[in-house]
Amino acid sequence: MLFNVVKCKVMHLGYKDHGYSYYMDGKQLVTAEEEKDLGIIITKDLKVSQQCEQAYAKASKMLGLINRSIKHKE
């Protein structure tokens, strides 16, 4: 199976970033601070705050949509 080097990224887990460069097929891979995979946001410090912020924003938008669509409010 061949990898698409443009889509490949490197993430250093934890707080230490040693500054290493990784290469695949002679091309340097991009270092990512966070990455979304299967709907889950994974950050280098493995905290869920980004995931919670995204869920809050999505719920807030939906609540605003419902609020605007109701004609009669008691």
Protein backbone atom coordinates (compact mmCIF):
# COMPACT_ATOMS: atom_id res chain seq x y z
CA MET A 1 0.00 0.00 0.00
CA LEU A 2 1.39 3.38 -0.98
CA PHE A 3 1.10 6.38 1.32
CA ASN A 4 0.22 9.86 0.11
CA VAL A 5 3.17 11.80 1.56
CA VAL A 6 1.33 15.14 1.25
CA LYS A 7 -1.40 13.91 3.62
CA CYS A 8 1.01 12.37 6.17
CA LYS A 9 1.85 14.33 9.32
CA VAL A 10 3.95 13.87 12.45
CA MET A 11 2.69 14.62 15.96
CA HIS A 12 4.98 14.62 18.98
CA LEU A 13 2.98 13.47 22.00
CA GLY A 14 3.81 15.10 25.32
CA TYR A 15 5.37 18.43 26.13
CA LYS A 16 8.91 17.93 24.79
CA ASP A 17 9.47 18.69 21.14
CA HIS A 18 12.99 17.58 20.28
CA GLY A 19 12.93 19.30 16.91
CA TYR A 20 13.53 16.15 14.89
CA SER A 21 12.59 16.13 11.22
CA TYR A 22 10.98 13.09 9.67
CA TYR A 23 11.12 12.23 5.98
CA MET A 24 9.14 9.89 3.74
CA ASP A 25 10.12 9.32 0.12
CA GLY A 26 12.62 12.16 0.42
CA LYS A 27 9.99 14.72 1.49
CA GLN A 28 9.86 16.25 4.95
CA LEU A 29 6.68 15.51 6.88
CA VAL A 30 4.70 18.37 8.43
CA THR A 31 4.57 18.55 12.25
CA ALA A 32 0.99 18.91 13.51
CA GLU A 33 -0.18 20.36 16.83
CA GLU A 34 -3.60 18.74 16.48
CA GLU A 35 -5.29 16.42 14.04
CA LYS A 36 -8.88 15.34 13.49
CA ASP A 37 -9.41 11.63 12.85
CA LEU A 38 -12.81 9.91 12.72
CA GLY A 39 -14.44 13.02 14.22
CA ILE A 40 -12.13 13.12 17.25
CA ILE A 41 -9.62 15.93 17.72
CA ILE A 42 -6.29 14.63 18.98
CA THR A 43 -3.85 17.21 20.35
CA LYS A 44 -0.20 16.73 21.18
CA ASP A 45 -0.88 17.09 24.93
CA LEU A 46 -3.83 14.62 24.70
CA LYS A 47 -6.28 17.03 26.36
CA VAL A 48 -9.95 17.08 25.36
CA SER A 49 -10.46 20.86 25.56
CA GLN A 50 -10.49 21.34 21.77
CA GLN A 51 -13.04 18.54 21.41
CA CYS A 52 -15.24 20.13 24.12
CA GLU A 53 -15.01 23.58 22.49
CA GLN A 54 -16.06 22.14 19.14
CA ALA A 55 -19.00 20.26 20.68
CA TYR A 56 -20.09 23.40 22.57
CA ALA A 57 -19.95 25.53 19.40
CA LYS A 58 -21.96 22.97 17.43
CA ALA A 59 -24.61 22.68 20.17
CA SER A 60 -24.80 26.47 20.50
CA LYS A 61 -25.41 26.86 16.76
CA MET A 62 -28.17 24.25 16.86
CA LEU A 63 -29.80 25.91 19.88
CA GLY A 64 -29.73 29.26 18.04
CA LEU A 65 -31.34 27.65 14.99
CA ILE A 66 -34.11 26.14 17.11
CA ASN A 67 -34.59 29.42 18.97
CA ARG A 68 -34.96 31.38 15.72
CA SER A 69 -37.35 28.85 14.16
CA ILE A 70 -39.91 28.94 16.97
CA LYS A 71 -42.53 31.62 16.27
CA HIS A 72 -44.40 31.63 19.57
CA LYS A 73 -42.41 31.84 22.80
CA GLU A 74 -44.08 31.83 26.19
